[in-house]
PDB file of all heavy atoms in Angstrom:
ATOM      1  N   PRO A   1      -3.107  -8.602  -2.938  1.00  0.00           N
ATOM      2  CA  PRO A   1      -1.889  -8.967  -3.733  1.00  0.00           C
ATOM      3  C   PRO A   1      -1.155  -7.777  -4.389  1.00  0.00           C
ATOM      4  O   PRO A   1       0.041  -7.753  -4.394  1.00  0.00           O
ATOM      5  CB  PRO A   1      -2.452  -9.958  -4.776  1.00  0.00           C
ATOM      6  CG  PRO A   1      -3.646 -10.550  -4.087  1.00  0.00           C
ATOM      7  CD  PRO A   1      -4.264  -9.461  -3.277  1.00  0.00           C
ATOM      8  N   VAL A   2      -1.932  -6.837  -4.940  1.00  0.00           N
ATOM      9  CA  VAL A   2      -1.243  -5.723  -5.650  1.00  0.00           C
ATOM     10  C   VAL A   2      -0.628  -4.816  -4.672  1.00  0.00           C
ATOM     11  O   VAL A   2       0.440  -4.267  -4.913  1.00  0.00           O
ATOM     12  CB  VAL A   2      -2.201  -5.002  -6.631  1.00  0.00           C
ATOM     13  CG1 VAL A   2      -2.655  -5.937  -7.759  1.00  0.00           C
ATOM     14  CG2 VAL A   2      -3.341  -4.368  -5.936  1.00  0.00           C
ATOM     15  N   LEU A   3      -1.264  -4.588  -3.471  1.00  0.00           N
ATOM     16  CA  LEU A   3      -0.618  -3.838  -2.425  1.00  0.00           C
ATOM     17  C   LEU A   3       0.689  -4.496  -1.963  1.00  0.00           C
ATOM     18  O   LEU A   3       1.695  -3.831  -1.744  1.00  0.00           O
ATOM     19  CB  LEU A   3      -1.557  -3.588  -1.248  1.00  0.00           C
ATOM     20  CG  LEU A   3      -2.352  -2.284  -1.232  1.00  0.00           C
ATOM     21  CD1 LEU A   3      -3.322  -2.157  -2.379  1.00  0.00           C
ATOM     22  CD2 LEU A   3      -3.101  -2.125   0.089  1.00  0.00           C
ATOM     23  N   ARG A   4       0.634  -5.775  -1.847  1.00  0.00           N
ATOM     24  CA  ARG A   4       1.840  -6.519  -1.369  1.00  0.00           C
ATOM     25  C   ARG A   4       2.972  -6.382  -2.346  1.00  0.00           C
ATOM     26  O   ARG A   4       4.152  -6.238  -1.924  1.00  0.00           O
ATOM     27  CB  ARG A   4       1.452  -7.981  -1.140  1.00  0.00           C
ATOM     28  CG  ARG A   4       2.611  -8.802  -0.578  1.00  0.00           C
ATOM     29  CD  ARG A   4       2.216 -10.257  -0.327  1.00  0.00           C
ATOM     30  NE  ARG A   4       1.157 -10.349   0.655  1.00  0.00           N
ATOM     31  CZ  ARG A   4       1.318 -10.320   1.961  1.00  0.00           C
ATOM     32  NH1 ARG A   4       2.560 -10.237   2.428  1.00  0.00           N
ATOM     33  NH2 ARG A   4       0.299 -10.425   2.802  1.00  0.00           N
ATOM     34  N   ILE A   5       2.691  -6.510  -3.647  1.00  0.00           N
ATOM     35  CA  ILE A   5       3.761  -6.416  -4.657  1.00  0.00           C
ATOM     36  C   ILE A   5       4.438  -5.097  -4.621  1.00  0.00           C
ATOM     37  O   ILE A   5       5.692  -4.982  -4.652  1.00  0.00           O
ATOM     38  CB  ILE A   5       3.181  -6.697  -6.034  1.00  0.00           C
ATOM     39  CG1 ILE A   5       2.793  -8.199  -6.165  1.00  0.00           C
ATOM     40  CG2 ILE A   5       4.197  -6.373  -7.156  1.00  0.00           C
ATOM     41  CD1 ILE A   5       1.959  -8.502  -7.415  1.00  0.00           C
ATOM     42  N   ALA A   6       3.738  -4.023  -4.508  1.00  0.00           N
ATOM     43  CA  ALA A   6       4.303  -2.694  -4.388  1.00  0.00           C
ATOM     44  C   ALA A   6       5.145  -2.557  -3.132  1.00  0.00           C
ATOM     45  O   ALA A   6       6.222  -1.924  -3.120  1.00  0.00           O
ATOM     46  CB  ALA A   6       3.227  -1.608  -4.472  1.00  0.00           C
ATOM     47  N   ALA A   7       4.662  -3.128  -2.026  1.00  0.00           N
ATOM     48  CA  ALA A   7       5.373  -3.054  -0.771  1.00  0.00           C
ATOM     49  C   ALA A   7       6.718  -3.841  -0.864  1.00  0.00           C
ATOM     50  O   ALA A   7       7.732  -3.379  -0.335  1.00  0.00           O
ATOM     51  CB  ALA A   7       4.531  -3.638   0.378  1.00  0.00           C
ATOM     52  N   GLU A   8       6.693  -4.929  -1.581  1.00  0.00           N
ATOM     53  CA  GLU A   8       7.924  -5.711  -1.812  1.00  0.00           C
ATOM     54  C   GLU A   8       8.921  -4.929  -2.637  1.00  0.00           C
ATOM     55  O   GLU A   8      10.113  -4.910  -2.364  1.00  0.00           O
ATOM     56  CB  GLU A   8       7.592  -7.027  -2.523  1.00  0.00           C
ATOM     57  CG  GLU A   8       6.823  -8.002  -1.607  1.00  0.00           C
ATOM     58  CD  GLU A   8       6.313  -9.227  -2.381  1.00  0.00           C
ATOM     59  OE1 GLU A   8       6.409  -9.223  -3.637  1.00  0.00           O
ATOM     60  OE2 GLU A   8       5.842 -10.147  -1.716  1.00  0.00           O
ATOM     61  N   ALA A   9       8.451  -4.216  -3.702  1.00  0.00           N
ATOM     62  CA  ALA A   9       9.348  -3.430  -4.531  1.00  0.00           C
ATOM     63  C   ALA A   9       9.927  -2.260  -3.680  1.00  0.00           C
ATOM     64  O   ALA A   9      11.081  -1.902  -3.736  1.00  0.00           O
ATOM     65  CB  ALA A   9       8.604  -2.864  -5.719  1.00  0.00           C
ATOM     66  N   ALA A  10       9.088  -1.684  -2.788  1.00  0.00           N
ATOM     67  CA  ALA A  10       9.535  -0.577  -1.955  1.00  0.00           C
ATOM     68  C   ALA A  10      10.606  -1.064  -0.974  1.00  0.00           C
ATOM     69  O   ALA A  10      11.565  -0.268  -0.665  1.00  0.00           O
ATOM     70  CB  ALA A  10       8.364  -0.012  -1.195  1.00  0.00           C
ATOM     71  N   ALA A  11      10.484  -2.274  -0.534  1.00  0.00           N
ATOM     72  CA  ALA A  11      11.455  -2.822   0.447  1.00  0.00           C
ATOM     73  C   ALA A  11      12.830  -3.034  -0.163  1.00  0.00           C
ATOM     74  O   ALA A  11      13.809  -3.189   0.587  1.00  0.00           O
ATOM     75  CB  ALA A  11      10.970  -4.136   0.985  1.00  0.00           C
ATOM     76  N   GLU A  12      12.907  -3.009  -1.486  1.00  0.00           N
ATOM     77  CA  GLU A  12      14.199  -3.160  -2.131  1.00  0.00           C
ATOM     78  C   GLU A  12      15.039  -1.851  -2.097  1.00  0.00           C
ATOM     79  O   GLU A  12      16.232  -1.879  -2.402  1.00  0.00           O
ATOM     80  CB  GLU A  12      13.973  -3.546  -3.621  1.00  0.00           C
ATOM     81  CG  GLU A  12      13.305  -4.864  -3.840  1.00  0.00           C
ATOM     82  CD  GLU A  12      12.973  -5.093  -5.292  1.00  0.00           C
ATOM     83  OE1 GLU A  12      13.116  -4.194  -6.159  1.00  0.00           O
ATOM     84  OE2 GLU A  12      12.444  -6.227  -5.593  1.00  0.00           O
ATOM     85  N   ARG A  13      14.378  -0.763  -1.703  1.00  0.00           N
ATOM     86  CA  ARG A  13      15.074   0.545  -1.726  1.00  0.00           C
ATOM     87  C   ARG A  13      15.838   0.837  -0.449  1.00  0.00           C
ATOM     88  O   ARG A  13      15.368   0.465   0.632  1.00  0.00           O
ATOM     89  CB  ARG A  13      14.028   1.644  -1.959  1.00  0.00           C
ATOM     90  CG  ARG A  13      13.008   1.368  -3.037  1.00  0.00           C
ATOM     91  CD  ARG A  13      13.600   1.317  -4.393  1.00  0.00           C
ATOM     92  NE  ARG A  13      14.217   2.588  -4.786  1.00  0.00           N
ATOM     93  CZ  ARG A  13      14.682   2.795  -6.035  1.00  0.00           C
ATOM     94  NH1 ARG A  13      14.664   1.853  -6.937  1.00  0.00           N
ATOM     95  NH2 ARG A  13      15.241   4.017  -6.322  1.00  0.00           N
ATOM     96  N   ASP A  14      16.929   1.487  -0.554  1.00  0.00           N
ATOM     97  CA  ASP A  14      17.677   1.898   0.607  1.00  0.00           C
ATOM     98  C   ASP A  14      16.880   2.995   1.385  1.00  0.00           C
ATOM     99  O   ASP A  14      16.897   3.018   2.623  1.00  0.00           O
ATOM    100  CB  ASP A  14      19.017   2.484   0.249  1.00  0.00           C
ATOM    101  CG  ASP A  14      19.969   1.421  -0.258  1.00  0.00           C
ATOM    102  OD1 ASP A  14      19.779   0.238   0.096  1.00  0.00           O
ATOM    103  OD2 ASP A  14      20.874   1.738  -1.090  1.00  0.00           O
ATOM    104  N   THR A  15      16.223   3.854   0.629  1.00  0.00           N
ATOM    105  CA  THR A  15      15.326   4.905   1.227  1.00  0.00           C
ATOM    106  C   THR A  15      13.883   4.539   0.953  1.00  0.00           C
ATOM    107  O   THR A  15      13.428   4.668  -0.187  1.00  0.00           O
ATOM    108  CB  THR A  15      15.659   6.290   0.701  1.00  0.00           C
ATOM    109  OG1 THR A  15      17.027   6.603   0.900  1.00  0.00           O
ATOM    110  CG2 THR A  15      14.773   7.349   1.330  1.00  0.00           C
ATOM    111  N   PRO A  16      13.163   4.072   1.947  1.00  0.00           N
ATOM    112  CA  PRO A  16      11.800   3.575   1.650  1.00  0.00           C
ATOM    113  C   PRO A  16      10.922   4.740   1.132  1.00  0.00           C
ATOM    114  O   PRO A  16      10.901   5.840   1.694  1.00  0.00           O
ATOM    115  CB  PRO A  16      11.321   3.155   3.027  1.00  0.00           C
ATOM    116  CG  PRO A  16      12.538   2.833   3.831  1.00  0.00           C
ATOM    117  CD  PRO A  16      13.546   3.869   3.337  1.00  0.00           C
ATOM    118  N   PRO A  17      10.135   4.455   0.084  1.00  0.00           N
ATOM    119  CA  PRO A  17       9.184   5.492  -0.435  1.00  0.00           C
ATOM    120  C   PRO A  17       7.948   5.525   0.372  1.00  0.00           C
ATOM    121  O   PRO A  17       7.648   4.621   1.209  1.00  0.00           O
ATOM    122  CB  PRO A  17       8.922   4.959  -1.837  1.00  0.00           C
ATOM    123  CG  PRO A  17       8.983   3.487  -1.677  1.00  0.00           C
ATOM    124  CD  PRO A  17      10.126   3.230  -0.702  1.00  0.00           C
ATOM    125  N   ILE A  18       7.164   6.584   0.165  1.00  0.00           N
ATOM    126  CA  ILE A  18       5.820   6.705   0.803  1.00  0.00           C
ATOM    127  C   ILE A  18       4.876   5.695   0.123  1.00  0.00           C
ATOM    128  O   ILE A  18       4.800   5.674  -1.122  1.00  0.00           O
ATOM    129  CB  ILE A  18       5.296   8.116   0.673  1.00  0.00           C
ATOM    130  CG1 ILE A  18       6.200   9.129   1.350  1.00  0.00           C
ATOM    131  CG2 ILE A  18       3.874   8.242   1.206  1.00  0.00           C
ATOM    132  CD1 ILE A  18       5.938  10.575   0.970  1.00  0.00           C
ATOM    133  N   LEU A  19       4.139   4.890   0.897  1.00  0.00           N
ATOM    134  CA  LEU A  19       3.175   3.973   0.340  1.00  0.00           C
ATOM    135  C   LEU A  19       1.810   4.429   0.749  1.00  0.00           C
ATOM    136  O   LEU A  19       1.493   4.515   1.914  1.00  0.00           O
ATOM    137  CB  LEU A  19       3.486   2.550   0.840  1.00  0.00           C
ATOM    138  CG  LEU A  19       4.760   1.848   0.317  1.00  0.00           C
ATOM    139  CD1 LEU A  19       4.954   0.536   0.983  1.00  0.00           C
ATOM    140  CD2 LEU A  19       4.730   1.739  -1.176  1.00  0.00           C
ATOM    141  N   VAL A  20       0.993   4.661  -0.275  1.00  0.00           N
ATOM    142  CA  VAL A  20      -0.395   5.132  -0.062  1.00  0.00           C
ATOM    143  C   VAL A  20      -1.353   4.117  -0.697  1.00  0.00           C
ATOM    144  O   VAL A  20      -1.196   3.720  -1.852  1.00  0.00           O
ATOM    145  CB  VAL A  20      -0.605   6.492  -0.730  1.00  0.00           C
ATOM    146  CG1 VAL A  20      -2.039   6.960  -0.526  1.00  0.00           C
ATOM    147  CG2 VAL A  20       0.385   7.501  -0.233  1.00  0.00           C
ATOM    148  N   ALA A  21      -2.333   3.631   0.081  1.00  0.00           N
ATOM    149  CA  ALA A  21      -3.303   2.673  -0.391  1.00  0.00           C
ATOM    150  C   ALA A  21      -4.602   3.368  -0.591  1.00  0.00           C
ATOM    151  O   ALA A  21      -5.056   4.090   0.341  1.00  0.00           O
ATOM    152  CB  ALA A  21      -3.390   1.522   0.624  1.00  0.00           C
ATOM    153  N   GLY A  22      -5.309   3.035  -1.656  1.00  0.00           N
ATOM    154  CA  GLY A  22      -6.643   3.545  -1.851  1.00  0.00           C
ATOM    155  C   GLY A  22      -7.636   2.804  -0.941  1.00  0.00           C
ATOM    156  O   GLY A  22      -7.529   1.602  -0.774  1.00  0.00           O
ATOM    157  N   ALA A  23      -8.538   3.540  -0.352  1.00  0.00           N
ATOM    158  CA  ALA A  23      -9.622   2.977   0.476  1.00  0.00           C
ATOM    159  C   ALA A  23     -10.950   3.572  -0.014  1.00  0.00           C
ATOM    160  O   ALA A  23     -11.049   4.796  -0.158  1.00  0.00           O
ATOM    161  CB  ALA A  23      -9.420   3.270   1.965  1.00  0.00           C
ATOM    162  N   ILE A  24     -11.912   2.727  -0.290  1.00  0.00           N
ATOM    163  CA  ILE A  24     -13.161   3.171  -0.849  1.00  0.00           C
ATOM    164  C   ILE A  24     -14.335   2.578  -0.029  1.00  0.00           C
ATOM    165  O   ILE A  24     -14.167   1.818   0.876  1.00  0.00           O
ATOM    166  CB  ILE A  24     -13.314   2.759  -2.318  1.00  0.00           C
ATOM    167  CG1 ILE A  24     -13.416   1.261  -2.466  1.00  0.00           C
ATOM    168  CG2 ILE A  24     -12.132   3.248  -3.120  1.00  0.00           C
ATOM    169  CD1 ILE A  24     -13.809   0.761  -3.847  1.00  0.00           C
ATOM    170  N   GLY A  25     -15.540   3.042  -0.436  1.00  0.00           N
ATOM    171  CA  GLY A  25     -16.756   2.465   0.149  1.00  0.00           C
ATOM    172  C   GLY A  25     -17.185   3.175   1.404  1.00  0.00           C
ATOM    173  O   GLY A  25     -16.681   4.184   1.856  1.00  0.00           O
ATOM    174  N   ARG A  26     -18.189   2.551   2.066  1.00  0.00           N
ATOM    175  CA  ARG A  26     -18.714   3.030   3.331  1.00  0.00           C
ATOM    176  C   ARG A  26     -17.667   2.635   4.424  1.00  0.00           C
ATOM    177  O   ARG A  26     -16.681   1.951   4.175  1.00  0.00           O
ATOM    178  CB  ARG A  26     -20.103   2.437   3.584  1.00  0.00           C
ATOM    179  CG  ARG A  26     -21.154   3.080   2.680  1.00  0.00           C
ATOM    180  CD  ARG A  26     -21.534   4.484   3.131  1.00  0.00           C
ATOM    181  NE  ARG A  26     -22.481   5.123   2.271  1.00  0.00           N
ATOM    182  CZ  ARG A  26     -23.410   5.999   2.702  1.00  0.00           C
ATOM    183  NH1 ARG A  26     -23.493   6.272   3.965  1.00  0.00           N
ATOM    184  NH2 ARG A  26     -24.200   6.592   1.851  1.00  0.00           N
ATOM    185  N   THR A  27     -18.011   2.952   5.672  1.00  0.00           N
ATOM    186  CA  THR A  27     -17.021   2.917   6.741  1.00  0.00           C
ATOM    187  C   THR A  27     -16.479   1.501   6.966  1.00  0.00           C
ATOM    188  O   THR A  27     -15.256   1.297   7.069  1.00  0.00           O
ATOM    189  CB  THR A  27     -17.607   3.450   8.054  1.00  0.00           C
ATOM    190  OG1 THR A  27     -18.115   4.775   7.771  1.00  0.00           O
ATOM    191  CG2 THR A  27     -16.583   3.484   9.102  1.00  0.00           C
ATOM    192  N   ASP A  28     -17.306   0.474   6.969  1.00  0.00           N
ATOM    193  CA  ASP A  28     -16.807  -0.857   7.243  1.00  0.00           C
ATOM    194  C   ASP A  28     -15.771  -1.275   6.190  1.00  0.00           C
ATOM    195  O   ASP A  28     -14.725  -1.852   6.548  1.00  0.00           O
ATOM    196  CB  ASP A  28     -18.001  -1.866   7.246  1.00  0.00           C
ATOM    197  CG  ASP A  28     -18.815  -1.740   8.486  1.00  0.00           C
ATOM    198  OD1 ASP A  28     -18.444  -1.067   9.440  1.00  0.00           O
ATOM    199  OD2 ASP A  28     -19.914  -2.367   8.547  1.00  0.00           O
ATOM    200  N   GLN A  29     -16.054  -1.019   4.914  1.00  0.00           N
ATOM    201  CA  GLN A  29     -15.147  -1.394   3.911  1.00  0.00           C
ATOM    202  C   GLN A  29     -13.835  -0.577   3.962  1.00  0.00           C
ATOM    203  O   GLN A  29     -12.739  -1.154   3.863  1.00  0.00           O
ATOM    204  CB  GLN A  29     -15.763  -1.223   2.501  1.00  0.00           C
ATOM    205  CG  GLN A  29     -14.828  -1.570   1.383  1.00  0.00           C
ATOM    206  CD  GLN A  29     -15.440  -1.432  -0.012  1.00  0.00           C
ATOM    207  OE1 GLN A  29     -16.635  -1.229  -0.150  1.00  0.00           O
ATOM    208  NE2 GLN A  29     -14.613  -1.562  -1.041  1.00  0.00           N
ATOM    209  N   ALA A  30     -13.977   0.727   4.120  1.00  0.00           N
ATOM    210  CA  ALA A  30     -12.775   1.552   4.135  1.00  0.00           C
ATOM    211  C   ALA A  30     -11.885   1.194   5.318  1.00  0.00           C
ATOM    212  O   ALA A  30     -10.634   1.211   5.230  1.00  0.00           O
ATOM    213  CB  ALA A  30     -13.180   3.036   4.200  1.00  0.00           C
ATOM    214  N   VAL A  31     -12.455   0.929   6.466  1.00  0.00           N
ATOM    215  CA  VAL A  31     -11.698   0.606   7.676  1.00  0.00           C
ATOM    216  C   VAL A  31     -11.008  -0.763   7.418  1.00  0.00           C
ATOM    217  O   VAL A  31      -9.816  -0.949   7.807  1.00  0.00           O
ATOM    218  CB  VAL A  31     -12.573   0.527   8.886  1.00  0.00           C
ATOM    219  CG1 VAL A  31     -11.857  -0.187  10.065  1.00  0.00           C
ATOM    220  CG2 VAL A  31     -13.005   1.955   9.347  1.00  0.00           C
TER     221      VAL A  31
END
């Protein structure tokens, strides 16, 4: 949900910003 909200705000822009998502944990979780 929080990733989606930021993506929606980014979609309001004429010039799309860079969107970076945090990924943590061991490989299965991060993937």
